Amino acid sequence: MKLRYYIVRRLALALLVLLGVSAITFTVSRMIPSDPARMWTGARATIQQVEQAKRELGLDRPLYEQFWSYLVGLSKGNLGTSIHTRRPVIDDLRDRFPATLELTVAAILVAIVLGIPLGVISATKKDRAADHVTRLFSLSGVSMPIFWLGILLQLLLASWLGLLPTGGRVDPFVHIQSPITTITGMYTLDSALTGNWVFFRSAITHMILPVVALSYTSLATITRMTRSTMLEVLRQDYVRTARSKGLSERVVVYKHALRNALIPTTTVVGLTFGFLLGGAFLVETIFDWPGIGLYAVESIVNVDFPSVAGVTLLGAVIYTLVNLFVDILYGVIDPRIKYG
């Protein structure tokens, strides 16, 4: 019951956060030194056409009226109409989000599956060769910019060696030879569910470079956090007691120490997921990945403030829900944690 009240309270606070994000995004978008009506009508439009567009877009009304109309639209799921694509923003986000979600989930899974074991190995092999190599790997990941790594991967593995494609989600010819049945919008999952293995192989091949570029920094961060927390936990009295009872080192490390070391790591993973969504802007642009990040960049270039506001609000919603999920997961990892 306390957990239910905790979730309700957090969701209520999340609504206030989203209201604040909406207000800030709306205000900043209206401060841009550009004329959205001119972008809507085109460079050759007459003054009368521009004024007509302002009336249609509601830009001729006071800011407080525009903001109120924006909030009313949000309550109905209406994020406005994109100036660039001339489609409802909600439809653009619905079409683009599966691509970003697919890329982000793959990157976070790679970071977790590799980062936690590497951190454990580094902690248990402290000051040995494995620890030094892991620490060097982590340091390079934290200090390396995503855009530089992405371009380097394209240059080395795609352009020079020709092992992997430079960008896109799938080979254009595969769409013609083996068209996919859309279920979730995530190509790898849809092709696996429908048994379209030709499409699946192409989708996986196109994902490798962007996933490596997007996950590398997060992988290094998770490795460093796991190592530091494991070193602290391994010095605790209950770990020495477990060893004195004759338990194997594997049981001591993975059953007793790791579970208690996972709480700080879980926090980092939750924050990392939000970071990956932000980092996807760069990766999607570099690898021509048709997701939310590339859509946001195109919207910024075209001064498409309804789309920019929609992307910002979507990011805030996802980040808030992920942090709520992580807080709930604390109680699963450590039953001593109670929700008031």
C-alpha atoms as a PDB file:
ATOM      1  CA  MET A   1       0.000   0.000   0.000  1.00  0.00           C
ATOM      2  CA  LYS A   2       2.848   2.390   0.861  1.00  0.00           C
ATOM      3  CA  LEU A   3       4.408   1.656  -2.504  1.00  0.00           C
ATOM      4  CA  ARG A   4       1.152   2.610  -4.234  1.00  0.00           C
ATOM      5  CA  TYR A   5       0.988   5.932  -2.383  1.00  0.00           C
ATOM      6  CA  TYR A   6       4.658   6.530  -3.164  1.00  0.00           C
ATOM      7  CA  ILE A   7       4.070   6.005  -6.890  1.00  0.00           C
ATOM      8  CA  VAL A   8       1.011   8.277  -6.885  1.00  0.00           C
ATOM      9  CA  ARG A   9       2.951  11.007  -5.086  1.00  0.00           C
ATOM     10  CA  ARG A  10       5.877  10.734  -7.479  1.00  0.00           C
ATOM     11  CA  LEU A  11       3.581  10.879 -10.496  1.00  0.00           C
ATOM     12  CA  ALA A  12       1.902  13.989  -9.093  1.00  0.00           C
ATOM     13  CA  LEU A  13       5.305  15.626  -8.667  1.00  0.00           C
ATOM     14  CA  ALA A  14       6.197  14.505 -12.190  1.00  0.00           C
ATOM     15  CA  LEU A  15       3.203  16.422 -13.537  1.00  0.00           C
ATOM     16  CA  LEU A  16       4.565  19.590 -11.912  1.00  0.00           C
ATOM     17  CA  VAL A  17       7.974  18.922 -13.440  1.00  0.00           C
ATOM     18  CA  LEU A  18       6.440  18.429 -16.875  1.00  0.00           C
ATOM     19  CA  LEU A  19       4.455  21.634 -16.466  1.00  0.00           C
ATOM     20  CA  GLY A  20       7.669  23.482 -15.692  1.00  0.00           C
ATOM     21  CA  VAL A  21       9.445  21.891 -18.657  1.00  0.00           C
ATOM     22  CA  SER A  22       6.548  22.870 -20.910  1.00  0.00           C
ATOM     23  CA  ALA A  23       6.646  26.467 -19.702  1.00  0.00           C
ATOM     24  CA  ILE A  24      10.415  26.768 -20.155  1.00  0.00           C
ATOM     25  CA  THR A  25      10.367  25.134 -23.578  1.00  0.00           C
ATOM     26  CA  PHE A  26       7.478  27.302 -24.728  1.00  0.00           C
ATOM     27  CA  THR A  27       9.170  30.493 -23.525  1.00  0.00           C
ATOM     28  CA  VAL A  28      12.551  29.669 -25.057  1.00  0.00           C
ATOM     29  CA  SER A  29      10.981  28.672 -28.383  1.00  0.00           C
ATOM     30  CA  ARG A  30       9.207  32.024 -28.597  1.00  0.00           C
ATOM     31  CA  MET A  31      12.472  33.866 -27.905  1.00  0.00           C
ATOM     32  CA  ILE A  32      14.193  32.431 -30.987  1.00  0.00           C
ATOM     33  CA  PRO A  33      15.067  35.299 -33.376  1.00  0.00           C
ATOM     34  CA  SER A  34      13.191  33.836 -36.305  1.00  0.00           C
ATOM     35  CA  ASP A  35       9.719  33.918 -37.830  1.00  0.00           C
ATOM     36  CA  PRO A  36       7.991  30.501 -37.778  1.00  0.00           C
ATOM     37  CA  ALA A  37       5.239  31.865 -40.029  1.00  0.00           C
ATOM     38  CA  ARG A  38       7.837  32.724 -42.642  1.00  0.00           C
ATOM     39  CA  MET A  39       9.269  29.200 -42.357  1.00  0.00           C
ATOM     40  CA  TRP A  40       5.752  27.815 -42.751  1.00  0.00           C
ATOM     41  CA  THR A  41       4.902  29.804 -45.894  1.00  0.00           C
ATOM     42  CA  GLY A  42       8.342  29.724 -47.526  1.00  0.00           C
ATOM     43  CA  ALA A  43      10.879  32.348 -48.522  1.00  0.00           C
ATOM     44  CA  ARG A  44       8.840  33.623 -51.492  1.00  0.00           C
ATOM     45  CA  ALA A  45       5.623  34.192 -49.581  1.00  0.00           C
ATOM     46  CA  THR A  46       4.022  37.619 -49.577  1.00  0.00           C
ATOM     47  CA  ILE A  47       3.412  39.683 -46.454  1.00  0.00           C
ATOM     48  CA  GLN A  48      -0.296  38.829 -46.630  1.00  0.00           C
ATOM     49  CA  GLN A  49       0.463  35.117 -46.762  1.00  0.00           C
ATOM     50  CA  VAL A  50       2.791  35.403 -43.767  1.00  0.00           C
ATOM     51  CA  GLU A  51       0.162  37.284 -41.759  1.00  0.00           C
ATOM     52  CA  GLN A  52      -2.432  34.657 -42.690  1.00  0.00           C
ATOM     53  CA  ALA A  53      -0.061  31.923 -41.486  1.00  0.00           C
ATOM     54  CA  LYS A  54       0.428  33.753 -38.181  1.00  0.00           C
ATOM     55  CA  ARG A  55      -3.329  33.785 -37.641  1.00  0.00           C
ATOM     56  CA  GLU A  56      -3.618  30.097 -38.525  1.00  0.00           C
ATOM     57  CA  LEU A  57      -0.763  29.152 -36.180  1.00  0.00           C
ATOM     58  CA  GLY A  58      -2.048  31.440 -33.433  1.00  0.00           C
ATOM     59  CA  LEU A  59       1.143  33.491 -33.391  1.00  0.00           C
ATOM     60  CA  ASP A  60      -0.757  36.772 -33.540  1.00  0.00           C
ATOM     61  CA  ARG A  61      -2.241  36.239 -30.077  1.00  0.00           C
ATOM     62  CA  PRO A  62      -0.632  37.266 -26.745  1.00  0.00           C
ATOM     63  CA  LEU A  63       1.897  34.825 -25.298  1.00  0.00           C
ATOM     64  CA  TYR A  64      -0.297  33.834 -22.338  1.00  0.00           C
ATOM     65  CA  GLU A  65      -3.108  32.884 -24.712  1.00  0.00           C
ATOM     66  CA  GLN A  66      -0.684  30.892 -26.859  1.00  0.00           C
ATOM     67  CA  PHE A  67       0.632  29.097 -23.760  1.00  0.00           C
ATOM     68  CA  TRP A  68      -2.877  28.307 -22.518  1.00  0.00           C
ATOM     69  CA  SER A  69      -3.815  26.902 -25.929  1.00  0.00           C
ATOM     70  CA  TYR A  70      -0.616  24.865 -25.842  1.00  0.00           C
ATOM     71  CA  LEU A  71      -1.480  23.383 -22.429  1.00  0.00           C
ATOM     72  CA  VAL A  72      -5.031  22.601 -23.530  1.00  0.00           C
ATOM     73  CA  GLY A  73      -3.621  20.850 -26.568  1.00  0.00           C
ATOM     74  CA  LEU A  74      -1.206  18.855 -24.387  1.00  0.00           C
ATOM     75  CA  SER A  75      -4.069  17.661 -22.199  1.00  0.00           C
ATOM     76  CA  LYS A  76      -5.675  16.245 -25.344  1.00  0.00           C
ATOM     77  CA  GLY A  77      -2.446  14.706 -26.671  1.00  0.00           C
ATOM     78  CA  ASN A  78      -2.013  17.446 -29.252  1.00  0.00           C
ATOM     79  CA  LEU A  79       1.580  18.685 -29.520  1.00  0.00           C
ATOM     80  CA  GLY A  80       0.890  20.961 -32.455  1.00  0.00           C
ATOM     81  CA  THR A  81       1.776  20.695 -36.133  1.00  0.00           C
ATOM     82  CA  SER A  82       5.335  20.421 -37.368  1.00  0.00           C
ATOM     83  CA  ILE A  83       6.408  23.359 -39.506  1.00  0.00           C
ATOM     84  CA  HIS A  84       8.930  21.192 -41.324  1.00  0.00           C
ATOM     85  CA  THR A  85       6.933  18.015 -42.057  1.00  0.00           C
ATOM     86  CA  ARG A  86       3.450  19.620 -41.988  1.00  0.00           C
ATOM     87  CA  ARG A  87       2.242  16.668 -39.902  1.00  0.00           C
ATOM     88  CA  PRO A  88       1.039  16.483 -36.283  1.00  0.00           C
ATOM     89  CA  VAL A  89       4.090  16.354 -34.026  1.00  0.00           C
ATOM     90  CA  ILE A  90       2.615  13.409 -32.102  1.00  0.00           C
ATOM     91  CA  ASP A  91       2.516  11.398 -35.347  1.00  0.00           C
ATOM     92  CA  ASP A  92       6.135  12.256 -36.144  1.00  0.00           C
ATOM     93  CA  LEU A  93       7.227  11.217 -32.654  1.00  0.00           C
ATOM     94  CA  ARG A  94       5.200   8.006 -32.878  1.00  0.00           C
ATOM     95  CA  ASP A  95       6.905   7.091 -36.145  1.00  0.00           C
ATOM     96  CA  ARG A  96      10.415   8.047 -35.038  1.00  0.00           C
ATOM     97  CA  PHE A  97      10.461   6.917 -31.419  1.00  0.00           C
ATOM     98  CA  PRO A  98      10.773   3.128 -32.063  1.00  0.00           C
ATOM     99  CA  ALA A  99      14.074   3.693 -33.881  1.00  0.00           C
ATOM    100  CA  THR A 100      15.517   5.661 -30.958  1.00  0.00           C
ATOM    101  CA  LEU A 101      14.126   3.211 -28.415  1.00  0.00           C
ATOM    102  CA  GLU A 102      15.662   0.280 -30.278  1.00  0.00           C
ATOM    103  CA  LEU A 103      19.055   1.963 -30.395  1.00  0.00           C
ATOM    104  CA  THR A 104      18.945   3.131 -26.776  1.00  0.00           C
ATOM    105  CA  VAL A 105      17.778  -0.194 -25.326  1.00  0.00           C
ATOM    106  CA  ALA A 106      20.479  -2.058 -27.259  1.00  0.00           C
ATOM    107  CA  ALA A 107      23.131   0.384 -26.015  1.00  0.00           C
ATOM    108  CA  ILE A 108      22.047   0.197 -22.365  1.00  0.00           C
ATOM    109  CA  LEU A 109      21.914  -3.603 -22.496  1.00  0.00           C
ATOM    110  CA  VAL A 110      25.461  -3.710 -23.880  1.00  0.00           C
ATOM    111  CA  ALA A 111      26.607  -1.281 -21.183  1.00  0.00           C
ATOM    112  CA  ILE A 112      25.002  -3.341 -18.388  1.00  0.00           C
ATOM    113  CA  VAL A 113      25.968  -6.801 -19.640  1.00  0.00           C
ATOM    114  CA  LEU A 114      29.616  -5.803 -20.121  1.00  0.00           C
ATOM    115  CA  GLY A 115      30.018  -3.019 -17.558  1.00  0.00           C
ATOM    116  CA  ILE A 116      28.965  -4.852 -14.388  1.00  0.00           C
ATOM    117  CA  PRO A 117      31.142  -7.975 -14.960  1.00  0.00           C
ATOM    118  CA  LEU A 118      34.109  -5.788 -15.925  1.00  0.00           C
ATOM    119  CA  GLY A 119      33.647  -3.757 -12.747  1.00  0.00           C
ATOM    120  CA  VAL A 120      33.483  -6.909 -10.621  1.00  0.00           C
ATOM    121  CA  ILE A 121      36.610  -8.350 -12.273  1.00  0.00           C
ATOM    122  CA  SER A 122      38.460  -5.078 -11.774  1.00  0.00           C
ATOM    123  CA  ALA A 123      37.523  -4.979  -8.078  1.00  0.00           C
ATOM    124  CA  THR A 124      38.385  -8.609  -7.359  1.00  0.00           C
ATOM    125  CA  LYS A 125      41.680  -8.332  -9.278  1.00  0.00           C
ATOM    126  CA  LYS A 126      42.668  -5.015  -7.717  1.00  0.00           C
ATOM    127  CA  ASP A 127      46.093  -3.711  -8.790  1.00  0.00           C
ATOM    128  CA  ARG A 128      46.617  -6.631 -11.146  1.00  0.00           C
ATOM    129  CA  ALA A 129      46.867  -6.601 -14.935  1.00  0.00           C
ATOM    130  CA  ALA A 130      43.108  -7.089 -15.433  1.00  0.00           C
ATOM    131  CA  ASP A 131      42.387  -4.142 -13.143  1.00  0.00           C
ATOM    132  CA  HIS A 132      44.838  -1.855 -14.948  1.00  0.00           C
ATOM    133  CA  VAL A 133      43.431  -2.752 -18.363  1.00  0.00           C
ATOM    134  CA  THR A 134      39.844  -2.220 -17.181  1.00  0.00           C
ATOM    135  CA  ARG A 135      40.681   1.134 -15.592  1.00  0.00           C
ATOM    136  CA  LEU A 136      42.419   2.275 -18.778  1.00  0.00           C
ATOM    137  CA  PHE A 137      39.387   1.195 -20.790  1.00  0.00           C
ATOM    138  CA  SER A 138      37.050   3.075 -18.418  1.00  0.00           C
ATOM    139  CA  LEU A 139      39.152   6.233 -18.494  1.00  0.00           C
ATOM    140  CA  SER A 140      39.212   6.275 -22.299  1.00  0.00           C
ATOM    141  CA  GLY A 141      35.444   5.757 -22.442  1.00  0.00           C
ATOM    142  CA  VAL A 142      34.679   8.596 -20.036  1.00  0.00           C
ATOM    143  CA  SER A 143      37.009  11.049 -21.780  1.00  0.00           C
ATOM    144  CA  MET A 144      36.158  10.189 -25.407  1.00  0.00           C
ATOM    145  CA  PRO A 145      33.438  12.321 -27.107  1.00  0.00           C
ATOM    146  CA  ILE A 146      30.631  10.312 -28.688  1.00  0.00           C
ATOM    147  CA  PHE A 147      30.739  12.183 -31.987  1.00  0.00           C
ATOM    148  CA  TRP A 148      34.481  11.599 -32.361  1.00  0.00           C
ATOM    149  CA  LEU A 149      34.151   7.883 -31.643  1.00  0.00           C
ATOM    150  CA  GLY A 150      31.267   7.581 -34.095  1.00  0.00           C
ATOM    151  CA  ILE A 151      33.222   9.233 -36.911  1.00  0.00           C
ATOM    152  CA  LEU A 152      36.287   7.130 -36.088  1.00  0.00           C
ATOM    153  CA  LEU A 153      34.233   3.912 -36.279  1.00  0.00           C
ATOM    154  CA  GLN A 154      32.770   4.966 -39.607  1.00  0.00           C
ATOM    155  CA  LEU A 155      36.188   5.774 -40.984  1.00  0.00           C
ATOM    156  CA  LEU A 156      37.900   2.593 -39.764  1.00  0.00           C
ATOM    157  CA  LEU A 157      35.287  -0.171 -39.966  1.00  0.00           C
ATOM    158  CA  ALA A 158      33.027   1.179 -42.708  1.00  0.00           C
ATOM    159  CA  SER A 159      35.104   3.288 -45.105  1.00  0.00           C
ATOM    160  CA  TRP A 160      38.555   1.672 -44.844  1.00  0.00           C
ATOM    161  CA  LEU A 161      37.740  -1.966 -44.062  1.00  0.00           C
ATOM    162  CA  GLY A 162      34.230  -2.085 -45.513  1.00  0.00           C
ATOM    163  CA  LEU A 163      33.044  -4.459 -42.774  1.00  0.00           C
ATOM    164  CA  LEU A 164      29.910  -2.577 -41.743  1.00  0.00           C
ATOM    165  CA  PRO A 165      27.542  -0.011 -43.285  1.00  0.00           C
ATOM    166  CA  THR A 166      28.141   3.658 -42.554  1.00  0.00           C
ATOM    167  CA  GLY A 167      24.561   4.497 -41.599  1.00  0.00           C
ATOM    168  CA  GLY A 168      20.844   3.937 -41.892  1.00  0.00           C
ATOM    169  CA  ARG A 169      18.671   1.300 -40.220  1.00  0.00           C
ATOM    170  CA  VAL A 170      18.649  -1.305 -42.994  1.00  0.00           C
ATOM    171  CA  ASP A 171      19.854  -1.895 -46.549  1.00  0.00           C
ATOM    172  CA  PRO A 172      17.423  -0.151 -48.956  1.00  0.00           C
ATOM    173  CA  PHE A 173      17.308  -3.230 -51.197  1.00  0.00           C
ATOM    174  CA  VAL A 174      16.166  -5.385 -48.274  1.00  0.00           C
ATOM    175  CA  HIS A 175      12.993  -3.309 -48.041  1.00  0.00           C
ATOM    176  CA  ILE A 176      12.193  -4.382 -51.599  1.00  0.00           C
ATOM    177  CA  GLN A 177      13.397  -7.991 -51.459  1.00  0.00           C
ATOM    178  CA  SER A 178      12.127  -8.868 -47.957  1.00  0.00           C
ATOM    179  CA  PRO A 179       9.614  -6.236 -46.783  1.00  0.00           C
ATOM    180  CA  ILE A 180       8.930  -6.246 -43.061  1.00  0.00           C
ATOM    181  CA  THR A 181       5.597  -6.441 -41.264  1.00  0.00           C
ATOM    182  CA  THR A 182       5.547  -3.569 -38.769  1.00  0.00           C
ATOM    183  CA  ILE A 183       4.455  -4.546 -35.255  1.00  0.00           C
ATOM    184  CA  THR A 184       6.437  -2.435 -32.805  1.00  0.00           C
ATOM    185  CA  GLY A 185       8.443  -0.281 -35.209  1.00  0.00           C
ATOM    186  CA  MET A 186      11.708  -1.780 -33.931  1.00  0.00           C
ATOM    187  CA  TYR A 187      13.225  -3.548 -36.907  1.00  0.00           C
ATOM    188  CA  THR A 188      15.173  -6.227 -35.050  1.00  0.00           C
ATOM    189  CA  LEU A 189      12.215  -7.234 -32.905  1.00  0.00           C
ATOM    190  CA  ASP A 190       9.661  -7.116 -35.720  1.00  0.00           C
ATOM    191  CA  SER A 191      11.824  -9.123 -38.101  1.00  0.00           C
ATOM    192  CA  ALA A 192      12.520 -11.729 -35.413  1.00  0.00           C
ATOM    193  CA  LEU A 193       8.833 -12.039 -34.531  1.00  0.00           C
ATOM    194  CA  THR A 194       7.858 -12.516 -38.178  1.00  0.00           C
ATOM    195  CA  GLY A 195      10.801 -14.792 -39.024  1.00  0.00           C
ATOM    196  CA  ASN A 196      12.207 -12.391 -41.606  1.00  0.00           C
ATOM    197  CA  TRP A 197      15.852 -13.291 -40.999  1.00  0.00           C
ATOM    198  CA  VAL A 198      17.187 -11.501 -44.075  1.00  0.00           C
ATOM    199  CA  PHE A 199      15.782  -8.247 -42.732  1.00  0.00           C
ATOM    200  CA  PHE A 200      16.975  -9.161 -39.218  1.00  0.00           C
ATOM    201  CA  ARG A 201      20.594  -9.647 -40.327  1.00  0.00           C
ATOM    202  CA  SER A 202      20.571  -6.345 -42.183  1.00  0.00           C
ATOM    203  CA  ALA A 203      19.068  -4.511 -39.197  1.00  0.00           C
ATOM    204  CA  ILE A 204      21.601  -6.014 -36.772  1.00  0.00           C
ATOM    205  CA  THR A 205      24.499  -5.146 -39.088  1.00  0.00           C
ATOM    206  CA  HIS A 206      23.380  -1.528 -39.305  1.00  0.00           C
ATOM    207  CA  MET A 207      22.995  -1.303 -35.522  1.00  0.00           C
ATOM    208  CA  ILE A 208      26.498  -2.385 -34.558  1.00  0.00           C
ATOM    209  CA  LEU A 209      28.392   0.871 -35.119  1.00  0.00           C
ATOM    210  CA  PRO A 210      25.821   3.254 -33.589  1.00  0.00           C
ATOM    211  CA  VAL A 211      25.327   0.942 -30.596  1.00  0.00           C
ATOM    212  CA  VAL A 212      29.083   0.755 -29.970  1.00  0.00           C
ATOM    213  CA  ALA A 213      29.416   4.537 -30.226  1.00  0.00           C
ATOM    214  CA  LEU A 214      26.415   5.171 -27.991  1.00  0.00           C
ATOM    215  CA  SER A 215      27.219   2.563 -25.331  1.00  0.00           C
ATOM    216  CA  TYR A 216      30.961   3.090 -24.927  1.00  0.00           C
ATOM    217  CA  THR A 217      30.844   6.048 -22.559  1.00  0.00           C
ATOM    218  CA  SER A 218      28.021   4.517 -20.511  1.00  0.00           C
ATOM    219  CA  LEU A 219      29.829   1.189 -20.372  1.00  0.00           C
ATOM    220  CA  ALA A 220      32.892   2.902 -18.959  1.00  0.00           C
ATOM    221  CA  THR A 221      30.830   4.792 -16.367  1.00  0.00           C
ATOM    222  CA  ILE A 222      29.021   1.656 -15.177  1.00  0.00           C
ATOM    223  CA  THR A 223      32.337  -0.214 -14.978  1.00  0.00           C
ATOM    224  CA  ARG A 224      33.928   2.494 -12.833  1.00  0.00           C
ATOM    225  CA  MET A 225      30.927   2.714 -10.507  1.00  0.00           C
ATOM    226  CA  THR A 226      30.684  -1.061 -10.087  1.00  0.00           C
ATOM    227  CA  ARG A 227      34.388  -1.286  -9.332  1.00  0.00           C
ATOM    228  CA  SER A 228      34.344   1.449  -6.689  1.00  0.00           C
ATOM    229  CA  THR A 229      31.246   0.124  -4.902  1.00  0.00           C
ATOM    230  CA  MET A 230      32.505  -3.463  -5.024  1.00  0.00           C
ATOM    231  CA  LEU A 231      35.817  -2.418  -3.460  1.00  0.00           C
ATOM    232  CA  GLU A 232      33.908  -0.748  -0.629  1.00  0.00           C
ATOM    233  CA  VAL A 233      31.566  -3.701  -0.081  1.00  0.00           C
ATOM    234  CA  LEU A 234      34.352  -6.292  -0.141  1.00  0.00           C
ATOM    235  CA  ARG A 235      35.885  -4.572   2.900  1.00  0.00           C
ATOM    236  CA  GLN A 236      32.713  -4.962   4.966  1.00  0.00           C
ATOM    237  CA  ASP A 237      32.538  -7.271   7.988  1.00  0.00           C
ATOM    238  CA  TYR A 238      29.757  -9.471   6.615  1.00  0.00           C
ATOM    239  CA  VAL A 239      31.905 -10.306   3.583  1.00  0.00           C
ATOM    240  CA  ARG A 240      34.769 -11.409   5.825  1.00  0.00           C
ATOM    241  CA  THR A 241      32.274 -13.438   7.855  1.00  0.00           C
ATOM    242  CA  ALA A 242      30.977 -15.158   4.717  1.00  0.00           C
ATOM    243  CA  ARG A 243      34.538 -16.080   3.767  1.00  0.00           C
ATOM    244  CA  SER A 244      35.291 -17.376   7.251  1.00  0.00           C
ATOM    245  CA  LYS A 245      32.325 -19.734   6.943  1.00  0.00           C
ATOM    246  CA  GLY A 246      34.063 -21.444   4.068  1.00  0.00           C
ATOM    247  CA  LEU A 247      31.871 -20.139   1.257  1.00  0.00           C
ATOM    248  CA  SER A 248      33.449 -20.134  -2.173  1.00  0.00           C
ATOM    249  CA  GLU A 249      34.811 -16.850  -3.481  1.00  0.00           C
ATOM    250  CA  ARG A 250      32.275 -16.937  -6.307  1.00  0.00           C
ATOM    251  CA  VAL A 251      29.354 -17.132  -3.854  1.00  0.00           C
ATOM    252  CA  VAL A 252      30.837 -14.401  -1.662  1.00  0.00           C
ATOM    253  CA  VAL A 253      31.394 -12.033  -4.585  1.00  0.00           C
ATOM    254  CA  TYR A 254      28.271 -12.587  -6.677  1.00  0.00           C
ATOM    255  CA  LYS A 255      25.667 -13.503  -4.048  1.00  0.00           C
ATOM    256  CA  HIS A 256      26.639 -11.388  -1.052  1.00  0.00           C
ATOM    257  CA  ALA A 257      28.830  -8.514  -2.260  1.00  0.00           C
ATOM    258  CA  LEU A 258      27.454  -7.736  -5.704  1.00  0.00           C
ATOM    259  CA  ARG A 259      23.813  -7.429  -4.637  1.00  0.00           C
ATOM    260  CA  ASN A 260      24.695  -4.770  -2.081  1.00  0.00           C
ATOM    261  CA  ALA A 261      26.938  -2.999  -4.558  1.00  0.00           C
ATOM    262  CA  LEU A 262      24.211  -2.797  -7.185  1.00  0.00           C
ATOM    263  CA  ILE A 263      22.217   0.061  -5.618  1.00  0.00           C
ATOM    264  CA  PRO A 264      24.646   2.860  -6.634  1.00  0.00           C
ATOM    265  CA  THR A 265      25.153   1.116  -9.974  1.00  0.00           C
ATOM    266  CA  THR A 266      21.387   0.988 -10.515  1.00  0.00           C
ATOM    267  CA  THR A 267      21.221   4.740  -9.966  1.00  0.00           C
ATOM    268  CA  VAL A 268      23.926   5.255 -12.579  1.00  0.00           C
ATOM    269  CA  VAL A 269      22.119   2.959 -15.014  1.00  0.00           C
ATOM    270  CA  GLY A 270      18.910   4.984 -14.644  1.00  0.00           C
ATOM    271  CA  LEU A 271      20.750   8.249 -15.229  1.00  0.00           C
ATOM    272  CA  THR A 272      22.666   6.626 -18.076  1.00  0.00           C
ATOM    273  CA  PHE A 273      19.452   5.777 -19.878  1.00  0.00           C
ATOM    274  CA  GLY A 274      18.543   9.454 -19.932  1.00  0.00           C
ATOM    275  CA  PHE A 275      22.086  10.266 -21.020  1.00  0.00           C
ATOM    276  CA  LEU A 276      21.812   7.772 -23.870  1.00  0.00           C
ATOM    277  CA  LEU A 277      18.636   9.432 -25.086  1.00  0.00           C
ATOM    278  CA  GLY A 278      20.527  12.721 -25.150  1.00  0.00           C
ATOM    279  CA  GLY A 279      23.607  11.174 -26.725  1.00  0.00           C
ATOM    280  CA  ALA A 280      21.430   9.616 -29.394  1.00  0.00           C
ATOM    281  CA  PHE A 281      21.053  13.094 -30.916  1.00  0.00           C
ATOM    282  CA  LEU A 282      24.700  13.018 -31.969  1.00  0.00           C
ATOM    283  CA  VAL A 283      24.842   9.340 -32.869  1.00  0.00           C
ATOM    284  CA  GLU A 284      21.650   9.442 -34.935  1.00  0.00           C
ATOM    285  CA  THR A 285      22.936  12.446 -36.858  1.00  0.00           C
ATOM    286  CA  ILE A 286      26.307  10.830 -37.560  1.00  0.00           C
ATOM    287  CA  PHE A 287      24.858   7.471 -38.611  1.00  0.00           C
ATOM    288  CA  ASP A 288      21.750   8.866 -40.328  1.00  0.00           C
ATOM    289  CA  TRP A 289      19.547   6.925 -37.900  1.00  0.00           C
ATOM    290  CA  PRO A 290      15.929   8.085 -38.441  1.00  0.00           C
ATOM    291  CA  GLY A 291      14.965   8.465 -34.806  1.00  0.00           C
ATOM    292  CA  ILE A 292      13.973  11.204 -32.383  1.00  0.00           C
ATOM    293  CA  GLY A 293      17.500  12.614 -32.232  1.00  0.00           C
ATOM    294  CA  LEU A 294      17.792  13.179 -35.973  1.00  0.00           C
ATOM    295  CA  TYR A 295      14.230  14.533 -35.996  1.00  0.00           C
ATOM    296  CA  ALA A 296      15.170  17.042 -33.291  1.00  0.00           C
ATOM    297  CA  VAL A 297      18.250  18.198 -35.191  1.00  0.00           C
ATOM    298  CA  GLU A 298      16.200  18.673 -38.362  1.00  0.00           C
ATOM    299  CA  SER A 299      13.580  20.577 -36.350  1.00  0.00           C
ATOM    300  CA  ILE A 300      16.173  22.902 -34.844  1.00  0.00           C
ATOM    301  CA  VAL A 301      17.700  23.632 -38.248  1.00  0.00           C
ATOM    302  CA  ASN A 302      14.241  24.439 -39.642  1.00  0.00           C
ATOM    303  CA  VAL A 303      13.217  26.519 -36.570  1.00  0.00           C
ATOM    304  CA  ASP A 304      10.369  24.067 -36.026  1.00  0.00           C
ATOM    305  CA  PHE A 305       9.530  25.003 -32.442  1.00  0.00           C
ATOM    306  CA  PRO A 306       6.443  22.717 -32.068  1.00  0.00           C
ATOM    307  CA  SER A 307       8.634  19.706 -32.904  1.00  0.00           C
ATOM    308  CA  VAL A 308      11.455  20.856 -30.626  1.00  0.00           C
ATOM    309  CA  ALA A 309       8.979  21.344 -27.773  1.00  0.00           C
ATOM    310  CA  GLY A 310       7.496  17.908 -28.439  1.00  0.00           C
ATOM    311  CA  VAL A 311      10.896  16.195 -28.355  1.00  0.00           C
ATOM    312  CA  THR A 312      11.847  18.028 -25.157  1.00  0.00           C
ATOM    313  CA  LEU A 313       8.607  17.064 -23.450  1.00  0.00           C
ATOM    314  CA  LEU A 314       8.964  13.438 -24.549  1.00  0.00           C
ATOM    315  CA  GLY A 315      12.478  13.324 -23.129  1.00  0.00           C
ATOM    316  CA  ALA A 316      11.271  14.754 -19.819  1.00  0.00           C
ATOM    317  CA  VAL A 317       8.483  12.165 -19.595  1.00  0.00           C
ATOM    318  CA  ILE A 318      10.850   9.268 -20.299  1.00  0.00           C
ATOM    319  CA  TYR A 319      13.505  10.524 -17.898  1.00  0.00           C
ATOM    320  CA  THR A 320      10.937  10.973 -15.119  1.00  0.00           C
ATOM    321  CA  LEU A 321       9.436   7.498 -15.598  1.00  0.00           C
ATOM    322  CA  VAL A 322      12.860   5.841 -15.743  1.00  0.00           C
ATOM    323  CA  ASN A 323      13.911   7.472 -12.480  1.00  0.00           C
ATOM    324  CA  LEU A 324      10.652   6.358 -10.850  1.00  0.00           C
ATOM    325  CA  PHE A 325      11.299   2.797 -12.044  1.00  0.00           C
ATOM    326  CA  VAL A 326      14.844   2.904 -10.645  1.00  0.00           C
ATOM    327  CA  ASP A 327      13.585   4.110  -7.251  1.00  0.00           C
ATOM    328  CA  ILE A 328      11.096   1.238  -7.120  1.00  0.00           C
ATOM    329  CA  LEU A 329      13.828  -1.198  -8.143  1.00  0.00           C
ATOM    330  CA  TYR A 330      15.817  -0.228  -5.030  1.00  0.00           C
ATOM    331  CA  GLY A 331      13.270  -2.073  -2.898  1.00  0.00           C
ATOM    332  CA  VAL A 332      13.625  -5.186  -5.036  1.00  0.00           C
ATOM    333  CA  ILE A 333      17.413  -5.193  -4.746  1.00  0.00           C
ATOM    334  CA  ASP A 334      17.470  -4.325  -1.034  1.00  0.00           C
ATOM    335  CA  PRO A 335      14.342  -5.364   0.944  1.00  0.00           C
ATOM    336  CA  ARG A 336      15.474  -3.141   3.837  1.00  0.00           C
ATOM    337  CA  ILE A 337      14.439  -0.070   1.807  1.00  0.00           C
ATOM    338  CA  LYS A 338      10.925   1.067   2.741  1.00  0.00           C
ATOM    339  CA  TYR A 339       8.729   3.564   0.955  1.00  0.00           C
ATOM    340  CA  GLY A 340       7.118   6.147   3.186  1.00  0.00           C
END
